Amino acid sequence: MVNEVIRSEIDNRLLKYRGRGYMLAAADGKVFTFGDMAHHGDASSVSYPAPIT
């Protein structure tokens, strides 16, 4: 995900830290990982009637 732009609101309640990494979850279902946090997929391809919170 190098150089990917976050185009949706980030929910602070979905900010997770572990070791030397962290992840952010956006309202559109995308998950962004940084540092040594592993990426296990996201829900961006699923259609929801409202933002994910």
C-alpha atoms as a PDB file:
ATOM      1  CA  MET A   1       0.000   0.000   0.000  1.00  0.00           C
ATOM      2  CA  VAL A   2       2.826   2.379  -0.629  1.00  0.00           C
ATOM      3  CA  ASN A   3       1.630   5.864  -1.611  1.00  0.00           C
ATOM      4  CA  GLU A   4      -2.066   5.017  -1.216  1.00  0.00           C
ATOM      5  CA  VAL A   5      -4.255   7.975  -0.247  1.00  0.00           C
ATOM      6  CA  ILE A   6      -6.728   7.581   2.623  1.00  0.00           C
ATOM      7  CA  ARG A   7      -9.986   8.942   1.193  1.00  0.00           C
ATOM      8  CA  SER A   8     -12.321   8.159   4.069  1.00  0.00           C
ATOM      9  CA  GLU A   9     -12.678   9.198   7.692  1.00  0.00           C
ATOM     10  CA  ILE A  10     -10.570   7.271  10.220  1.00  0.00           C
ATOM     11  CA  ASP A  11     -12.364   6.172  13.392  1.00  0.00           C
ATOM     12  CA  ASN A  12     -10.104   6.652  16.444  1.00  0.00           C
ATOM     13  CA  ARG A  13     -11.848   3.758  18.203  1.00  0.00           C
ATOM     14  CA  LEU A  14     -10.464   1.461  15.497  1.00  0.00           C
ATOM     15  CA  LEU A  15      -6.829   2.498  15.970  1.00  0.00           C
ATOM     16  CA  LYS A  16      -4.830  -0.527  17.164  1.00  0.00           C
ATOM     17  CA  TYR A  17      -1.213  -0.695  18.361  1.00  0.00           C
ATOM     18  CA  ARG A  18       0.951  -3.808  18.584  1.00  0.00           C
ATOM     19  CA  GLY A  19       4.703  -4.040  18.999  1.00  0.00           C
ATOM     20  CA  ARG A  20       6.255  -1.568  16.571  1.00  0.00           C
ATOM     21  CA  GLY A  21       3.253  -1.139  14.318  1.00  0.00           C
ATOM     22  CA  TYR A  22      -0.293   0.120  14.169  1.00  0.00           C
ATOM     23  CA  MET A  23      -3.340  -0.054  11.952  1.00  0.00           C
ATOM     24  CA  LEU A  24      -6.044   2.408  11.009  1.00  0.00           C
ATOM     25  CA  ALA A  25      -9.543   1.403   9.950  1.00  0.00           C
ATOM     26  CA  ALA A  26     -11.433   3.781   7.659  1.00  0.00           C
ATOM     27  CA  ALA A  27     -15.201   4.247   7.402  1.00  0.00           C
ATOM     28  CA  ASP A  28     -15.137   2.787   3.868  1.00  0.00           C
ATOM     29  CA  GLY A  29     -13.832  -0.558   5.192  1.00  0.00           C
ATOM     30  CA  LYS A  30     -10.187  -0.169   4.193  1.00  0.00           C
ATOM     31  CA  VAL A  31      -7.499  -1.090   6.709  1.00  0.00           C
ATOM     32  CA  PHE A  32      -4.083   0.584   6.614  1.00  0.00           C
ATOM     33  CA  THR A  33      -1.145  -1.008   8.435  1.00  0.00           C
ATOM     34  CA  PHE A  34       2.167   0.589   9.374  1.00  0.00           C
ATOM     35  CA  GLY A  35       5.398  -0.682  10.889  1.00  0.00           C
ATOM     36  CA  ASP A  36       5.414  -4.384  11.728  1.00  0.00           C
ATOM     37  CA  MET A  37       1.614  -4.739  11.949  1.00  0.00           C
ATOM     38  CA  ALA A  38       0.472  -7.494   9.564  1.00  0.00           C
ATOM     39  CA  HIS A  39      -2.337  -6.757   7.093  1.00  0.00           C
ATOM     40  CA  HIS A  40      -5.046  -9.450   7.088  1.00  0.00           C
ATOM     41  CA  GLY A  41      -7.439  -7.900   4.572  1.00  0.00           C
ATOM     42  CA  ASP A  42     -10.273  -5.412   4.794  1.00  0.00           C
ATOM     43  CA  ALA A  43     -13.974  -4.969   4.040  1.00  0.00           C
ATOM     44  CA  SER A  44     -13.670  -2.388   1.252  1.00  0.00           C
ATOM     45  CA  SER A  45     -15.219  -4.693  -1.361  1.00  0.00           C
ATOM     46  CA  VAL A  46     -18.385  -5.262   0.713  1.00  0.00           C
ATOM     47  CA  SER A  47     -21.363  -2.923   0.228  1.00  0.00           C
ATOM     48  CA  TYR A  48     -22.759  -1.444   3.466  1.00  0.00           C
ATOM     49  CA  PRO A  49     -25.691   0.996   3.846  1.00  0.00           C
ATOM     50  CA  ALA A  50     -23.721   3.206   6.271  1.00  0.00           C
ATOM     51  CA  PRO A  51     -20.080   3.938   7.167  1.00  0.00           C
ATOM     52  CA  ILE A  52     -18.291   1.330   9.273  1.00  0.00           C
ATOM     53  CA  THR A  53     -17.827   2.568  12.843  1.00  0.00           C
END
